Amino acid sequence: MNTPENFHYTKDHEWLKLEGNEAIIGITDYAQTELGDIIFAELPAVGAILEKNAAFGTVEAVKAVSEVFMPVSGEVIAVNAEVTDKPEVINQDPYGAGWMIRVRLTKPEEVAELMDAAAYTAFIQ
């Protein structure tokens, strides 16, 4: 299972990559493996303001539909159109081309509440 060291993780299997006061968010390699072949993704509109733990979208796979939750509070400033056009990119590259949204953090202190790679790896075992 791929778990990049410089990312932060949630118990709901989302990842967050911090870039200054912004963050890129997606689902983990573990989550996409458990879901199987992803066939549909629904993401929020740019400008949406979402609180930590709020559902921001859904991912539909052959065997399940799963909500995706905000790891931190923020305003959506970009949405990855490739994920909605070709959702299989989440399976192929969950930490790269399969990113879902970019947000401007409204409560940056919430990042400290997330797991690091070692804690997430222990959590999924």
N, C-alpha and C. Protein backbone atom coordinates (compact mmCIF):
# COMPACT_ATOMS: atom_id res chain seq x y z
N MET A 1 0.85 -1.18 0.00
CA MET A 1 0.00 0.00 0.00
C MET A 1 0.89 1.24 0.00
N ASN A 2 0.62 2.15 -0.90
CA ASN A 2 1.39 3.38 -1.03
C ASN A 2 0.85 4.44 -0.08
N THR A 3 1.71 4.97 0.79
CA THR A 3 1.33 6.02 1.75
C THR A 3 2.44 7.07 1.79
N PRO A 4 2.35 8.10 0.95
CA PRO A 4 3.40 9.11 0.92
C PRO A 4 3.65 9.76 2.29
N GLU A 5 4.92 9.95 2.59
CA GLU A 5 5.35 10.48 3.89
C GLU A 5 4.91 11.92 4.14
N ASN A 6 4.87 12.76 3.11
CA ASN A 6 4.62 14.19 3.31
C ASN A 6 3.14 14.57 3.25
N PHE A 7 2.25 13.58 3.37
CA PHE A 7 0.82 13.83 3.34
C PHE A 7 0.24 13.63 4.74
N HIS A 8 -1.00 14.08 4.93
CA HIS A 8 -1.75 13.87 6.17
C HIS A 8 -2.96 13.02 5.81
N TYR A 9 -3.48 12.25 6.80
CA TYR A 9 -4.52 11.26 6.52
C TYR A 9 -5.64 11.30 7.55
N THR A 10 -6.84 10.84 7.11
CA THR A 10 -7.99 10.75 8.01
C THR A 10 -8.37 9.29 8.22
N LYS A 11 -9.18 9.04 9.23
CA LYS A 11 -9.70 7.70 9.48
C LYS A 11 -10.73 7.29 8.43
N ASP A 12 -11.22 8.25 7.65
CA ASP A 12 -12.16 7.96 6.56
C ASP A 12 -11.43 7.74 5.25
N HIS A 13 -10.09 7.70 5.28
CA HIS A 13 -9.23 7.38 4.14
C HIS A 13 -9.12 8.47 3.09
N GLU A 14 -9.17 9.73 3.55
CA GLU A 14 -8.83 10.85 2.69
C GLU A 14 -7.38 11.24 2.98
N TRP A 15 -6.73 11.83 2.00
CA TRP A 15 -5.40 12.39 2.21
C TRP A 15 -5.44 13.89 1.97
N LEU A 16 -4.46 14.57 2.54
CA LEU A 16 -4.33 16.01 2.39
C LEU A 16 -2.86 16.32 2.21
N LYS A 17 -2.54 17.08 1.17
CA LYS A 17 -1.18 17.56 0.96
C LYS A 17 -1.20 19.06 1.15
N LEU A 18 -0.48 19.53 2.16
CA LEU A 18 -0.45 20.93 2.52
C LEU A 18 0.50 21.70 1.61
N GLU A 19 0.05 22.84 1.11
CA GLU A 19 0.87 23.74 0.30
C GLU A 19 0.58 25.16 0.77
N GLY A 20 1.32 25.61 1.77
CA GLY A 20 1.08 26.94 2.35
C GLY A 20 -0.25 26.95 3.06
N ASN A 21 -1.12 27.92 2.70
CA ASN A 21 -2.46 27.99 3.33
C ASN A 21 -3.51 27.30 2.46
N GLU A 22 -3.03 26.45 1.54
CA GLU A 22 -3.92 25.67 0.69
C GLU A 22 -3.61 24.18 0.87
N ALA A 23 -4.56 23.35 0.47
CA ALA A 23 -4.35 21.91 0.56
C ALA A 23 -5.01 21.22 -0.63
N ILE A 24 -4.36 20.17 -1.10
CA ILE A 24 -4.93 19.31 -2.13
C ILE A 24 -5.47 18.08 -1.39
N ILE A 25 -6.65 17.60 -1.79
CA ILE A 25 -7.34 16.52 -1.09
C ILE A 25 -7.77 15.44 -2.08
N GLY A 26 -7.67 14.20 -1.64
CA GLY A 26 -8.14 13.07 -2.44
C GLY A 26 -8.38 11.87 -1.53
N ILE A 27 -8.59 10.69 -2.14
CA ILE A 27 -8.73 9.48 -1.33
C ILE A 27 -7.45 8.66 -1.43
N THR A 28 -7.21 7.88 -0.41
CA THR A 28 -5.96 7.12 -0.31
C THR A 28 -5.92 5.92 -1.25
N ASP A 29 -4.72 5.41 -1.41
CA ASP A 29 -4.51 4.19 -2.19
C ASP A 29 -5.30 3.05 -1.57
N TYR A 30 -5.31 2.98 -0.24
CA TYR A 30 -6.08 1.95 0.46
C TYR A 30 -7.57 2.06 0.11
N ALA A 31 -8.10 3.28 0.13
CA ALA A 31 -9.53 3.48 -0.16
C ALA A 31 -9.87 3.06 -1.59
N GLN A 32 -9.05 3.47 -2.55
CA GLN A 32 -9.37 3.12 -3.94
C GLN A 32 -9.25 1.62 -4.17
N THR A 33 -8.32 0.96 -3.47
CA THR A 33 -8.18 -0.50 -3.58
C THR A 33 -9.41 -1.20 -3.01
N GLU A 34 -9.86 -0.72 -1.85
CA GLU A 34 -11.04 -1.32 -1.21
C GLU A 34 -12.31 -1.11 -2.04
N LEU A 35 -12.43 0.06 -2.68
CA LEU A 35 -13.60 0.34 -3.50
C LEU A 35 -13.62 -0.47 -4.79
N GLY A 36 -12.48 -0.71 -5.37
CA GLY A 36 -12.41 -1.38 -6.67
C GLY A 36 -12.49 -0.36 -7.79
N ASP A 37 -12.91 -0.81 -8.96
CA ASP A 37 -12.92 0.06 -10.14
C ASP A 37 -13.91 1.22 -9.97
N ILE A 38 -13.37 2.44 -9.93
CA ILE A 38 -14.19 3.63 -9.75
C ILE A 38 -14.77 4.05 -11.09
N ILE A 39 -16.10 4.22 -11.12
CA ILE A 39 -16.80 4.51 -12.37
C ILE A 39 -17.46 5.89 -12.40
N PHE A 40 -17.52 6.58 -11.25
CA PHE A 40 -18.17 7.89 -11.19
C PHE A 40 -17.65 8.65 -9.98
N ALA A 41 -17.47 9.95 -10.15
CA ALA A 41 -17.09 10.81 -9.03
C ALA A 41 -17.88 12.10 -9.12
N GLU A 42 -18.44 12.52 -8.00
CA GLU A 42 -19.16 13.79 -7.91
C GLU A 42 -18.40 14.68 -6.93
N LEU A 43 -18.08 15.89 -7.37
CA LEU A 43 -17.29 16.81 -6.56
C LEU A 43 -18.03 18.13 -6.40
N PRO A 44 -17.65 18.93 -5.39
CA PRO A 44 -18.35 20.20 -5.15
C PRO A 44 -17.96 21.27 -6.18
N ALA A 45 -18.70 22.35 -6.17
CA ALA A 45 -18.40 23.49 -7.04
C ALA A 45 -17.31 24.35 -6.42
N VAL A 46 -16.52 24.98 -7.27
CA VAL A 46 -15.55 25.96 -6.80
C VAL A 46 -16.32 27.04 -6.05
N GLY A 47 -15.79 27.46 -4.92
CA GLY A 47 -16.45 28.47 -4.10
C GLY A 47 -17.20 27.89 -2.91
N ALA A 48 -17.44 26.58 -2.94
CA ALA A 48 -18.13 25.94 -1.80
C ALA A 48 -17.27 26.09 -0.55
N ILE A 49 -17.91 26.43 0.56
CA ILE A 49 -17.22 26.54 1.85
C ILE A 49 -17.71 25.38 2.70
N LEU A 50 -16.76 24.53 3.10
CA LEU A 50 -17.10 23.28 3.78
C LEU A 50 -16.37 23.15 5.11
N GLU A 51 -17.06 22.63 6.08
CA GLU A 51 -16.48 22.42 7.40
C GLU A 51 -15.81 21.05 7.47
N LYS A 52 -14.86 20.92 8.38
CA LYS A 52 -14.20 19.64 8.62
C LYS A 52 -15.26 18.56 8.85
N ASN A 53 -15.04 17.38 8.29
CA ASN A 53 -15.90 16.19 8.39
C ASN A 53 -17.17 16.26 7.53
N ALA A 54 -17.42 17.37 6.84
CA ALA A 54 -18.59 17.45 5.94
C ALA A 54 -18.30 16.64 4.69
N ALA A 55 -19.32 15.98 4.16
CA ALA A 55 -19.17 15.26 2.89
C ALA A 55 -18.99 16.30 1.79
N PHE A 56 -17.97 16.11 0.95
CA PHE A 56 -17.79 17.04 -0.16
C PHE A 56 -18.03 16.39 -1.51
N GLY A 57 -18.27 15.10 -1.52
CA GLY A 57 -18.53 14.43 -2.79
C GLY A 57 -18.79 12.96 -2.59
N THR A 58 -18.96 12.27 -3.72
CA THR A 58 -19.14 10.82 -3.67
C THR A 58 -18.29 10.18 -4.74
N VAL A 59 -17.90 8.95 -4.45
CA VAL A 59 -17.15 8.14 -5.39
C VAL A 59 -17.94 6.84 -5.54
N GLU A 60 -18.26 6.50 -6.79
CA GLU A 60 -19.02 5.29 -7.04
C GLU A 60 -18.11 4.28 -7.73
N ALA A 61 -18.08 3.08 -7.17
CA ALA A 61 -17.33 1.98 -7.76
C ALA A 61 -18.31 0.89 -8.14
N VAL A 62 -17.81 -0.14 -8.79
CA VAL A 62 -18.66 -1.25 -9.21
C VAL A 62 -19.37 -1.87 -8.01
N LYS A 63 -18.65 -1.95 -6.87
CA LYS A 63 -19.25 -2.64 -5.72
C LYS A 63 -19.76 -1.74 -4.60
N ALA A 64 -19.58 -0.41 -4.68
CA ALA A 64 -20.02 0.45 -3.58
C ALA A 64 -20.05 1.91 -3.99
N VAL A 65 -20.83 2.69 -3.25
CA VAL A 65 -20.81 4.16 -3.35
C VAL A 65 -20.33 4.67 -2.01
N SER A 66 -19.39 5.59 -2.02
CA SER A 66 -18.81 6.08 -0.78
C SER A 66 -18.76 7.60 -0.79
N GLU A 67 -19.14 8.20 0.33
CA GLU A 67 -19.00 9.65 0.46
C GLU A 67 -17.53 9.96 0.77
N VAL A 68 -17.11 11.15 0.38
CA VAL A 68 -15.77 11.63 0.65
C VAL A 68 -15.90 12.83 1.57
N PHE A 69 -15.10 12.86 2.64
CA PHE A 69 -15.25 13.86 3.70
C PHE A 69 -14.07 14.82 3.76
N MET A 70 -14.36 16.04 4.17
CA MET A 70 -13.34 17.07 4.33
C MET A 70 -12.43 16.76 5.52
N PRO A 71 -11.12 16.68 5.29
CA PRO A 71 -10.19 16.48 6.40
C PRO A 71 -10.03 17.73 7.26
N VAL A 72 -10.28 18.89 6.65
CA VAL A 72 -10.16 20.20 7.31
C VAL A 72 -11.24 21.13 6.74
N SER A 73 -11.46 22.23 7.41
CA SER A 73 -12.40 23.24 6.91
C SER A 73 -11.73 24.09 5.84
N GLY A 74 -12.49 24.45 4.80
CA GLY A 74 -11.90 25.29 3.78
C GLY A 74 -12.86 25.66 2.68
N GLU A 75 -12.38 26.53 1.81
CA GLU A 75 -13.13 26.97 0.62
C GLU A 75 -12.54 26.28 -0.59
N VAL A 76 -13.39 25.65 -1.38
CA VAL A 76 -12.94 24.96 -2.59
C VAL A 76 -12.49 26.01 -3.61
N ILE A 77 -11.21 25.92 -4.02
CA ILE A 77 -10.69 26.89 -4.99
C ILE A 77 -10.38 26.23 -6.34
N ALA A 78 -10.37 24.90 -6.39
CA ALA A 78 -10.18 24.18 -7.65
C ALA A 78 -10.76 22.78 -7.52
N VAL A 79 -11.29 22.28 -8.63
CA VAL A 79 -11.85 20.93 -8.70
C VAL A 79 -11.16 20.24 -9.88
N ASN A 80 -10.76 18.99 -9.69
CA ASN A 80 -10.07 18.25 -10.74
C ASN A 80 -11.09 17.69 -11.74
N ALA A 81 -11.26 18.37 -12.87
CA ALA A 81 -12.23 17.95 -13.89
C ALA A 81 -11.88 16.58 -14.46
N GLU A 82 -10.60 16.22 -14.48
CA GLU A 82 -10.21 14.90 -15.01
C GLU A 82 -10.86 13.77 -14.20
N VAL A 83 -11.01 13.97 -12.90
CA VAL A 83 -11.62 12.95 -12.04
C VAL A 83 -13.10 12.75 -12.39
N THR A 84 -13.80 13.83 -12.73
CA THR A 84 -15.21 13.67 -13.09
C THR A 84 -15.35 13.14 -14.52
N ASP A 85 -14.41 13.49 -15.40
CA ASP A 85 -14.46 13.01 -16.79
C ASP A 85 -13.97 11.56 -16.91
N LYS A 86 -12.91 11.23 -16.17
CA LYS A 86 -12.31 9.89 -16.22
C LYS A 86 -12.02 9.42 -14.79
N PRO A 87 -13.06 8.99 -14.05
CA PRO A 87 -12.87 8.65 -12.64
C PRO A 87 -11.86 7.53 -12.38
N GLU A 88 -11.57 6.72 -13.40
CA GLU A 88 -10.60 5.65 -13.21
C GLU A 88 -9.20 6.17 -12.88
N VAL A 89 -8.95 7.47 -13.12
CA VAL A 89 -7.66 8.06 -12.78
C VAL A 89 -7.42 7.98 -11.26
N ILE A 90 -8.48 7.93 -10.47
CA ILE A 90 -8.33 7.77 -9.01
C ILE A 90 -7.68 6.43 -8.70
N ASN A 91 -8.10 5.36 -9.41
CA ASN A 91 -7.49 4.05 -9.22
C ASN A 91 -6.04 4.03 -9.70
N GLN A 92 -5.78 4.71 -10.79
CA GLN A 92 -4.46 4.67 -11.40
C GLN A 92 -3.42 5.49 -10.65
N ASP A 93 -3.81 6.62 -10.09
CA ASP A 93 -2.85 7.54 -9.47
C ASP A 93 -3.53 8.36 -8.36
N PRO A 94 -3.90 7.71 -7.24
CA PRO A 94 -4.70 8.40 -6.21
C PRO A 94 -4.01 9.61 -5.58
N TYR A 95 -2.67 9.63 -5.55
CA TYR A 95 -1.96 10.74 -4.91
C TYR A 95 -1.44 11.78 -5.90
N GLY A 96 -1.66 11.54 -7.19
CA GLY A 96 -1.19 12.47 -8.21
C GLY A 96 -2.34 12.98 -9.05
N ALA A 97 -2.48 12.43 -10.25
CA ALA A 97 -3.51 12.86 -11.19
C ALA A 97 -4.92 12.64 -10.65
N GLY A 98 -5.08 11.76 -9.65
CA GLY A 98 -6.39 11.47 -9.07
C GLY A 98 -6.81 12.37 -7.92
N TRP A 99 -6.10 13.49 -7.72
CA TRP A 99 -6.53 14.44 -6.68
C TRP A 99 -7.94 14.92 -6.99
N MET A 100 -8.67 15.34 -5.96
CA MET A 100 -10.07 15.72 -6.15
C MET A 100 -10.31 17.22 -6.07
N ILE A 101 -9.91 17.83 -4.96
CA ILE A 101 -10.16 19.27 -4.79
C ILE A 101 -8.94 19.95 -4.17
N ARG A 102 -8.87 21.26 -4.41
CA ARG A 102 -7.88 22.12 -3.74
C ARG A 102 -8.69 23.11 -2.93
N VAL A 103 -8.30 23.29 -1.67
CA VAL A 103 -9.02 24.21 -0.79
C VAL A 103 -8.08 25.23 -0.17
N ARG A 104 -8.66 26.40 0.15
CA ARG A 104 -7.97 27.41 0.95
C ARG A 104 -8.42 27.15 2.38
N LEU A 105 -7.48 26.87 3.26
CA LEU A 105 -7.80 26.52 4.64
C LEU A 105 -8.43 27.70 5.37
N THR A 106 -9.52 27.42 6.10
CA THR A 106 -10.12 28.44 6.94
C THR A 106 -9.77 28.23 8.41
N LYS A 107 -9.34 27.02 8.75
CA LYS A 107 -8.90 26.71 10.12
C LYS A 107 -7.63 25.85 10.02
N PRO A 108 -6.48 26.48 9.70
CA PRO A 108 -5.25 25.73 9.46
C PRO A 108 -4.82 24.84 10.63
N GLU A 109 -5.24 25.19 11.84
CA GLU A 109 -4.87 24.40 13.02
C GLU A 109 -5.45 22.99 12.97
N GLU A 110 -6.48 22.76 12.15
CA GLU A 110 -7.08 21.43 12.05
C GLU A 110 -6.13 20.40 11.43
N VAL A 111 -5.15 20.85 10.66
CA VAL A 111 -4.19 19.92 10.03
C VAL A 111 -3.47 19.10 11.10
N ALA A 112 -3.19 19.71 12.24
CA ALA A 112 -2.47 19.02 13.32
C ALA A 112 -3.26 17.84 13.89
N GLU A 113 -4.57 17.79 13.64
CA GLU A 113 -5.40 16.70 14.15
C GLU A 113 -5.38 15.46 13.24
N LEU A 114 -4.77 15.57 12.06
CA LEU A 114 -4.73 14.47 11.11
C LEU A 114 -3.56 13.53 11.40
N MET A 115 -3.64 12.31 10.84
CA MET A 115 -2.57 11.32 11.03
C MET A 115 -1.43 11.57 10.05
N ASP A 116 -0.21 11.24 10.48
CA ASP A 116 0.91 11.22 9.54
C ASP A 116 0.94 9.85 8.87
N ALA A 117 1.87 9.64 7.96
CA ALA A 117 1.92 8.38 7.19
C ALA A 117 2.09 7.16 8.09
N ALA A 118 2.94 7.25 9.10
CA ALA A 118 3.17 6.11 10.00
C ALA A 118 1.90 5.75 10.78
N ALA A 119 1.21 6.76 11.28
CA ALA A 119 -0.03 6.50 12.05
C ALA A 119 -1.11 5.94 11.13
N TYR A 120 -1.21 6.45 9.90
CA TYR A 120 -2.21 5.94 8.97
C TYR A 120 -1.91 4.48 8.57
N THR A 121 -0.64 4.20 8.31
CA THR A 121 -0.24 2.82 7.97
C THR A 121 -0.61 1.87 9.10
N ALA A 122 -0.36 2.26 10.34
CA ALA A 122 -0.73 1.44 11.50
C ALA A 122 -2.24 1.29 11.58
N PHE A 123 -2.98 2.36 11.29
CA PHE A 123 -4.44 2.35 11.36
C PHE A 123 -5.05 1.36 10.37
N ILE A 124 -4.52 1.26 9.16
CA ILE A 124 -5.13 0.38 8.15
C ILE A 124 -4.67 -1.07 8.26
N GLN A 125 -3.73 -1.36 9.13
CA GLN A 125 -3.27 -2.76 9.28
C GLN A 125 -4.09 -3.54 10.27
